[in-house]
Protein backbone atom coordinates (compact mmCIF):
# COMPACT_ATOMS: atom_id res chain seq x y z
CA MET A 1 111.89 89.51 53.90
CA PHE A 2 110.75 92.96 54.42
CA ASN A 3 109.72 93.53 49.98
CA THR A 4 105.96 94.05 52.06
CA LEU A 5 106.49 95.95 55.15
CA SER A 6 104.62 99.54 54.84
CA PRO A 7 106.44 102.63 56.13
CA ALA A 8 105.48 103.38 59.53
CA ALA A 9 103.31 106.04 60.89
CA ILE A 10 104.87 109.54 61.16
CA ASP A 11 104.83 110.21 64.57
CA PRO A 12 102.87 113.50 65.74
CA ILE A 13 104.87 114.96 67.64
CA LEU A 14 108.70 114.38 66.75
CA SER A 15 107.94 114.32 63.34
CA GLN A 16 106.80 118.59 64.14
CA THR A 17 110.77 119.00 65.97
CA LEU A 18 112.30 117.45 62.75
CA ALA A 19 110.18 120.35 60.66
CA CYS A 20 111.64 123.14 62.83
CA LEU A 21 115.18 121.91 63.06
CA GLN A 22 115.07 121.79 59.60
CA ASP A 23 113.09 125.58 59.11
CA PRO A 24 116.07 128.22 58.49
CA ARG A 25 114.30 131.53 59.74
CA PRO A 26 115.87 132.92 62.78
CA ASN A 27 112.40 133.17 65.17
CA LYS A 28 111.13 129.49 64.89
CA LEU A 29 109.55 128.48 67.79
CA ASP A 30 109.18 124.39 68.47
CA LEU A 31 106.84 124.25 70.89
CA GLY A 32 105.55 120.47 69.89
CA VAL A 33 107.55 117.97 71.91
CA GLY A 34 107.30 118.36 75.47
CA VAL A 35 110.46 119.23 77.15
CA TYR A 36 111.12 121.82 79.45
CA ARG A 37 113.61 124.70 78.58
CA ASN A 38 115.00 127.90 80.97
CA GLU A 39 114.82 131.30 79.69
CA ASN A 40 118.16 130.83 77.40
CA GLY A 41 116.04 127.78 75.56
CA LYS A 42 117.87 124.94 77.27
CA THR A 43 116.72 121.79 79.17
CA PRO A 44 119.14 121.93 81.99
CA VAL A 45 120.40 119.53 83.96
CA LEU A 46 119.26 119.88 87.41
CA GLN A 47 121.92 120.98 90.28
CA ALA A 48 120.52 117.71 92.58
CA VAL A 49 121.58 115.79 89.41
CA LYS A 50 124.69 116.92 89.30
CA THR A 51 125.41 116.49 92.75
CA ALA A 52 124.24 113.00 92.56
CA GLU A 53 125.33 112.08 90.08
CA ILE A 54 129.44 113.04 90.98
CA ARG A 55 128.47 111.21 94.59
CA LEU A 56 128.02 108.26 92.22
CA VAL A 57 131.29 108.16 90.26
CA GLN A 58 132.86 108.73 94.05
CA THR A 59 130.85 105.66 95.28
CA GLN A 60 129.99 103.17 92.72
CA GLU A 61 131.71 100.57 92.70
CA SER A 62 130.47 98.02 90.43
CA LYS A 63 128.06 98.04 86.98
CA SER A 64 126.77 94.62 87.33
CA TYR A 65 122.99 94.12 86.55
CA VAL A 66 120.23 95.93 88.60
CA GLY A 67 117.86 92.60 88.74
CA MET A 68 114.75 92.95 86.43
CA ALA A 69 112.53 95.23 89.33
CA GLY A 70 115.65 97.29 88.87
CA CYS A 71 117.04 99.35 92.33
CA GLU A 72 114.59 98.18 95.47
CA ARG A 73 115.47 101.41 96.51
CA PHE A 74 114.63 103.32 93.92
CA ASN A 75 111.18 101.49 93.42
CA GLN A 76 110.27 102.42 97.84
CA ALA A 77 111.39 106.13 97.24
CA MET A 78 109.48 106.87 94.46
CA ILE A 79 106.41 105.16 96.20
CA SER A 80 106.79 107.37 99.20
CA LEU A 81 107.53 110.45 96.65
CA LEU A 82 103.97 108.64 94.86
CA LEU A 83 101.84 108.32 97.91
CA GLY A 84 103.29 110.36 100.50
CA GLU A 85 105.84 109.67 102.91
CA GLU A 86 103.37 110.47 105.85
CA ARG A 87 101.33 107.23 104.43
CA GLN A 88 104.05 105.21 104.38
CA ALA A 89 105.01 105.90 107.37
CA GLN A 90 101.57 105.08 109.12
CA ASN A 91 101.33 102.39 107.46
CA GLN A 92 104.97 100.77 107.40
CA ARG A 93 105.21 100.81 103.77
CA ASP A 94 101.74 99.07 102.91
CA ALA A 95 102.50 95.88 101.04
CA ARG A 96 100.35 95.88 99.00
CA VAL A 97 101.70 98.57 96.43
CA VAL A 98 104.66 97.19 95.09
CA GLY A 99 106.77 98.66 92.28
CA VAL A 100 109.12 97.89 89.14
CA GLN A 101 111.96 99.83 87.98
CA THR A 102 111.08 100.68 83.65
CA PRO A 103 112.67 102.40 81.22
CA GLY A 104 110.71 105.39 81.41
CA ALA A 105 106.97 105.76 81.91
CA SER A 106 106.33 104.90 78.53
CA GLY A 107 107.82 101.46 79.51
CA ALA A 108 105.56 101.22 82.96
CA LEU A 109 102.56 101.86 80.46
CA ARG A 110 103.80 99.15 77.88
CA LEU A 111 103.97 95.92 80.57
CA MET A 112 101.63 96.90 82.73
CA ALA A 113 99.22 96.87 80.08
CA ASP A 114 100.56 93.17 78.66
CA VAL A 115 100.06 92.30 82.31
CA ILE A 116 96.62 93.02 81.31
CA ALA A 117 96.03 91.33 78.88
CA ILE A 118 97.46 88.22 80.17
CA ALA A 119 94.87 88.81 83.32
CA ASN A 120 91.80 89.64 80.70
CA PRO A 121 92.14 89.45 77.14
CA ASN A 122 88.86 90.98 76.48
CA ALA A 123 89.88 94.13 78.88
CA THR A 124 89.06 97.26 77.40
CA VAL A 125 91.36 100.43 78.66
CA TRP A 126 89.51 104.04 78.61
CA MET A 127 91.09 107.17 78.12
CA SER A 128 90.52 110.50 77.75
CA ASP A 129 89.41 112.82 75.02
CA LEU A 130 91.99 114.22 74.29
CA SER A 131 94.80 112.18 75.53
CA TYR A 132 99.01 111.61 75.34
CA ALA A 133 99.03 110.73 72.35
CA ASN A 134 101.52 107.27 73.24
CA HIS A 135 98.58 106.37 74.98
CA ALA A 136 96.09 104.07 72.52
CA PRO A 137 99.09 103.39 70.77
CA ILE A 138 101.21 101.22 73.52
CA MET A 139 97.27 100.38 74.85
CA ARG A 140 96.51 98.43 70.88
CA THR A 141 100.01 96.97 70.46
CA ALA A 142 99.43 94.90 74.05
CA GLY A 143 96.24 93.68 72.23
CA LEU A 144 94.35 95.89 74.26
CA ASN A 145 91.03 97.50 73.45
CA VAL A 146 90.74 101.46 73.22
CA ALA A 147 87.95 103.33 73.90
CA TYR A 148 86.95 106.73 74.69
CA TYR A 149 85.43 109.02 77.82
CA PRO A 150 84.41 112.38 77.29
CA TYR A 151 86.74 114.24 78.97
CA PHE A 152 87.84 117.99 77.39
CA ASP A 153 84.81 120.99 76.81
CA PRO A 154 86.28 122.81 73.45
CA LYS A 155 84.26 125.61 74.16
CA THR A 156 84.95 126.31 78.02
CA LYS A 157 88.77 124.40 77.77
CA SER A 158 88.16 122.66 81.00
CA VAL A 159 86.92 119.07 81.99
CA ASN A 160 83.39 118.51 81.23
CA GLU A 161 82.93 116.58 84.63
CA PRO A 162 79.42 115.72 85.06
CA ILE A 163 79.65 114.02 81.44
CA MET A 164 82.39 112.11 81.79
CA LEU A 165 81.59 110.10 85.08
CA SER A 166 78.39 109.66 83.48
CA ALA A 167 79.81 108.03 80.43
CA LEU A 168 82.51 106.43 83.19
CA SER A 169 79.08 105.46 85.30
CA ALA A 170 78.35 101.83 82.50
CA LEU A 171 81.98 100.61 83.33
CA GLY A 172 82.25 97.31 85.24
CA THR A 173 84.77 94.90 85.95
CA ASN A 174 86.21 94.32 82.76
CA ASP A 175 87.30 98.06 82.43
CA VAL A 176 90.48 99.68 82.62
CA VAL A 177 90.05 103.88 83.45
CA LEU A 178 93.22 105.36 81.95
CA LEU A 179 93.67 108.89 84.09
CA HIS A 180 96.01 111.71 84.09
CA GLY A 181 97.62 112.22 88.00
CA CYS A 182 98.11 115.83 87.39
CA CYS A 183 98.76 118.19 84.22
CA HIS A 184 97.04 116.90 82.34
CA ASN A 185 98.46 115.93 78.46
CA PRO A 186 97.61 116.87 76.57
CA THR A 187 94.93 119.83 77.48
CA GLY A 188 96.15 121.18 80.81
CA ALA A 189 92.74 120.51 81.88
CA ASP A 190 92.65 118.22 84.98
CA LEU A 191 89.93 116.98 87.49
CA SER A 192 88.64 118.42 90.55
CA TYR A 193 89.21 116.91 94.18
CA GLY A 194 85.54 116.25 94.08
CA ALA A 195 85.92 114.15 90.73
CA TRP A 196 88.71 112.15 92.59
CA GLN A 197 86.55 111.47 95.24
CA ALA A 198 83.40 111.17 92.79
CA LEU A 199 85.70 108.25 90.71
CA THR A 200 86.57 106.32 93.68
CA ASP A 201 83.80 105.94 94.94
CA MET A 202 82.57 104.39 90.98
CA ALA A 203 85.68 102.04 91.08
CA ASN A 204 84.81 100.77 94.87
CA GLN A 205 81.08 100.54 93.43
CA GLN A 206 81.55 98.98 89.87
CA GLY A 207 84.72 97.32 89.91
CA PHE A 208 86.64 99.00 87.30
CA LEU A 209 90.74 99.10 87.52
CA PRO A 210 92.23 102.73 87.71
CA PHE A 211 95.37 103.01 86.18
CA ILE A 212 97.22 106.69 86.64
CA ASP A 213 99.90 108.62 84.11
CA MET A 214 101.45 110.29 86.99
CA ALA A 215 103.99 112.06 84.44
CA TYR A 216 104.69 115.64 85.98
CA GLN A 217 104.01 115.57 89.64
CA GLY A 218 105.11 119.22 90.99
CA PHE A 219 104.74 120.70 87.74
CA GLY A 220 101.03 122.03 88.54
CA ASP A 221 100.55 123.11 91.94
CA GLY A 222 103.02 121.43 93.85
CA MET A 223 104.64 118.43 94.62
CA GLU A 224 101.78 117.19 97.13
CA LYS A 225 98.40 119.15 96.14
CA ASP A 226 99.83 117.50 92.50
CA ALA A 227 99.31 113.70 93.63
CA ALA A 228 96.16 114.62 96.80
CA GLY A 229 93.43 112.56 94.14
CA PHE A 230 95.24 110.40 93.42
CA ARG A 231 96.00 109.71 96.91
CA TYR A 232 92.56 109.71 98.21
CA LEU A 233 91.36 107.25 95.62
CA ALA A 234 95.15 105.17 96.38
CA GLU A 235 93.35 105.47 100.26
CA ARG A 236 90.18 104.09 99.36
CA VAL A 237 89.99 101.66 96.57
CA PRO A 238 91.17 97.84 96.25
CA ALA A 239 93.82 97.69 93.54
CA PHE A 240 95.34 100.31 91.13
CA LEU A 241 97.93 101.03 88.52
CA VAL A 242 100.48 103.77 88.15
CA ALA A 243 102.70 105.05 85.64
CA SER A 244 105.13 107.49 86.58
CA SER A 245 108.18 109.06 85.38
CA CYS A 246 111.54 110.97 86.51
CA SER A 247 112.19 112.22 82.35
CA LYS A 248 109.93 116.14 84.07
CA ASN A 249 110.18 116.67 87.32
CA PHE A 250 114.37 115.29 87.81
CA GLY A 251 114.86 116.34 84.03
CA LEU A 252 116.59 113.56 83.42
CA TYR A 253 114.68 112.78 79.93
CA ARG A 254 117.72 110.73 78.18
CA GLU A 255 118.20 108.51 80.88
CA ARG A 256 114.69 107.31 80.39
CA THR A 257 113.83 106.44 84.17
CA GLY A 258 110.06 105.22 85.50
CA ILE A 259 108.12 103.27 87.45
CA ALA A 260 105.60 100.78 87.13
CA VAL A 261 103.45 100.68 90.56
CA VAL A 262 100.83 98.03 91.75
CA ALA A 263 98.35 97.62 94.74
CA SER A 264 96.00 95.02 95.18
CA ASP A 265 93.56 93.05 97.89
CA SER A 266 96.61 91.60 98.82
CA ALA A 267 100.25 91.46 99.20
CA SER A 268 100.56 88.39 97.49
CA LYS A 269 98.51 89.43 94.76
CA SER A 270 100.07 92.34 94.42
CA LEU A 271 103.74 90.27 94.30
CA CYS A 272 101.98 87.92 91.91
CA ILE A 273 101.95 90.72 89.21
CA LYS A 274 104.91 92.39 90.28
CA GLY A 275 106.22 88.64 89.04
CA ARG A 276 104.38 88.89 85.64
CA ILE A 277 105.66 92.35 85.29
CA MET A 278 109.14 91.20 85.73
CA GLU A 279 108.22 88.38 83.22
CA CYS A 280 107.14 90.90 80.53
CA ALA A 281 110.44 92.46 81.13
CA ARG A 282 112.14 89.55 80.81
CA SER A 283 111.19 88.75 77.12
CA THR A 284 111.57 92.32 76.06
CA TYR A 285 114.42 94.18 77.46
CA THR A 286 115.46 92.15 80.47
CA MET A 287 116.93 94.70 83.30
CA PRO A 288 116.30 98.29 83.16
CA PRO A 289 118.57 101.11 83.12
CA ASP A 290 120.51 102.16 86.27
CA HIS A 291 122.10 105.25 86.22
CA GLY A 292 118.80 107.56 86.33
CA ALA A 293 117.27 105.99 89.15
CA ALA A 294 120.65 105.83 90.61
CA VAL A 295 120.46 109.44 90.72
CA VAL A 296 117.16 109.52 91.66
CA ARG A 297 117.36 107.29 94.76
CA THR A 298 120.39 109.10 95.82
CA ILE A 299 118.64 112.42 96.24
CA LEU A 300 115.14 111.02 97.64
CA GLU A 301 117.05 109.41 100.68
CA ASP A 302 119.23 113.00 101.27
CA PRO A 303 116.94 115.40 102.66
CA ALA A 304 119.49 118.24 102.08
CA LEU A 305 119.99 117.08 98.69
CA LYS A 306 115.78 116.58 98.41
CA ALA A 307 115.06 119.93 99.32
CA VAL A 308 117.79 121.22 97.06
CA TRP A 309 115.70 119.36 94.22
CA LEU A 310 112.10 120.65 95.58
CA SER A 311 113.55 124.36 95.03
CA GLU A 312 114.58 123.43 91.48
CA VAL A 313 111.17 121.68 90.92
CA SER A 314 109.46 124.83 92.62
CA GLU A 315 111.56 127.20 90.05
CA MET A 316 110.60 125.40 87.38
CA ARG A 317 106.91 125.69 88.15
CA GLN A 318 106.82 129.30 88.61
CA ARG A 319 108.53 130.28 85.54
CA ILE A 320 105.96 127.79 83.48
CA HIS A 321 103.20 129.79 85.68
CA ARG A 322 105.05 132.99 84.66
CA VAL A 323 105.04 132.13 80.66
CA ARG A 324 101.03 131.12 81.14
CA ALA A 325 100.06 134.37 82.90
CA ALA A 326 102.45 137.17 80.61
CA LEU A 327 100.84 134.77 77.31
CA VAL A 328 97.47 135.93 78.52
CA ALA A 329 98.57 138.89 79.00
CA SER A 330 100.19 139.98 75.95
CA LEU A 331 97.10 137.64 73.87
CA GLN A 332 94.83 140.06 75.52
CA HIS A 333 96.61 143.56 74.60
CA GLN A 334 96.53 141.68 70.92
CA THR A 335 93.47 141.03 70.93
CA GLY A 336 91.16 143.41 73.06
CA HIS A 337 89.60 140.49 74.80
CA HIS A 338 89.64 137.79 77.16
CA HIS A 339 89.42 134.57 74.71
CA PHE A 340 92.37 133.35 75.79
CA ASP A 341 92.50 133.68 79.51
CA PHE A 342 91.85 129.83 79.96
CA ILE A 343 96.08 128.97 79.04
CA GLY A 344 95.93 130.90 82.62
CA GLN A 345 93.91 128.79 84.27
CA HIS A 346 95.53 124.94 82.63
CA LYS A 347 98.34 123.29 84.70
CA GLY A 348 101.63 121.73 84.10
CA MET A 349 103.46 122.60 80.52
CA PHE A 350 100.59 121.92 77.58
CA SER A 351 97.39 123.75 76.54
CA VAL A 352 95.45 123.62 73.98
CA ILE A 353 94.31 126.33 72.51
CA GLY A 354 91.56 125.33 70.24
CA ALA A 355 93.69 125.85 67.26
CA ASN A 356 92.26 123.60 64.08
CA LYS A 357 94.54 121.39 61.25
CA GLU A 358 93.97 124.97 58.46
CA GLN A 359 94.92 127.18 61.71
CA VAL A 360 98.32 125.23 62.59
CA MET A 361 99.40 124.69 59.36
CA ARG A 362 99.09 128.74 59.11
CA LEU A 363 101.29 128.95 62.26
CA ARG A 364 103.92 126.70 60.51
CA GLU A 365 103.75 127.99 57.56
CA GLU A 366 103.81 131.74 57.84
CA PHE A 367 105.54 132.45 61.41
CA GLY A 368 107.54 129.10 61.72
CA VAL A 369 105.56 128.61 64.87
CA TYR A 370 105.50 124.73 65.17
CA LEU A 371 102.28 123.36 67.23
CA VAL A 372 101.41 119.71 67.65
CA ASP A 373 98.01 118.91 65.33
CA GLY A 374 95.26 119.45 67.25
CA GLY A 375 96.68 122.58 68.54
CA ARG A 376 98.72 121.40 72.04
CA ILE A 377 101.09 123.88 73.13
CA ASN A 378 104.34 123.56 75.30
CA LEU A 379 104.35 126.19 77.73
CA ALA A 380 107.39 124.87 79.05
CA GLY A 381 108.94 125.39 75.86
CA LEU A 382 108.25 129.15 75.43
CA LYS A 383 111.11 131.52 76.65
CA GLU A 384 109.60 134.49 77.92
CA SER A 385 111.21 136.64 74.72
CA ASP A 386 109.18 135.23 72.91
CA ILE A 387 105.90 135.78 74.22
CA PRO A 388 105.13 138.64 72.12
CA PHE A 389 105.80 137.25 68.82
CA LEU A 390 104.04 134.24 69.28
CA ALA A 391 100.67 135.83 70.75
CA LYS A 392 100.75 138.13 67.66
CA SER A 393 101.02 135.03 65.56
CA LEU A 394 97.96 133.33 67.38
CA SER A 395 96.19 136.75 67.28
CA VAL A 396 96.18 137.13 63.41
CA VAL A 397 95.44 133.03 63.05
CA MET A 398 92.99 132.47 65.04
CA VAL A 399 90.94 136.08 65.85
């Protein structure tokens, strides 16, 4: 049966974590996998999560299925978090916007990709160059065409918005534009508010479908500011898709908690799309896991508990900012110039530092510093005590 089966391709991110684990050097650094760690090198369970879990243990009376759409209270709470509570209140929960609970944001990406392929087998999904490593495999496995629009300028380490917008100006109704809502993975370079405004006008004029991956809300400039550009677009285009994750800002990595959000030009059409997403879910995992979503719902529905959670997200965000600033200062000290100052201007967990394949290998072999090929570094996985060592390693290899 399996004699002709070839080995699976090595995962470019998880393989680095495995190699780092096998490295016997005590000062090795795993800066590859996208997981937040505190100053002690641990990924903490948030206090708001612990409180919600205790409450669930005390009050939950059943472990029965939650249904293919998952917990609708979770879905509505997450839609409000994404679109803003004021907007939701003013529109009395816009009936055009519907959600399906999914196994993480990757599950949401895949289910919506499947529905796109059913609706339009000739659709092309356009993604940024560079983009999240799992975007293209998910879209291709769903049978969709994949293409790239210019995004990250390796010289300036920022978004080349004029070139990006010029490339997207040729797209039309058979095209889907995949955008990172904030804290771009892997580059850390985000779109300006003006670019979101321009993309909104282009979507309305040209008819392409915006597809937003919102995995890091709260890790850039704050929960509201991180969603500002997306919210501008969502209020003005007839249709959009969103995949959102609770892994980072709730710290629920292993609970695989996410949501697929759909908005079309009518409530009936949105419900039709939701039904087809659920149909795809039925033929794969059938029902989403409940625990993580129950925790998130418990937090978001309780104002006091939500305030605790927002404070904890703020603490994580501020630590990432401190790490960025400290690394920039240490690199300035080591190199005597400002070549790496862009790290302080990027948002969220990641930056692409411009290391080529040979430099990535040298960092790994000579210093035990593990980065993803392409030079993505996870700042949220770096202990402040390790910053001088990392700065010295980068200065030796890259300067």
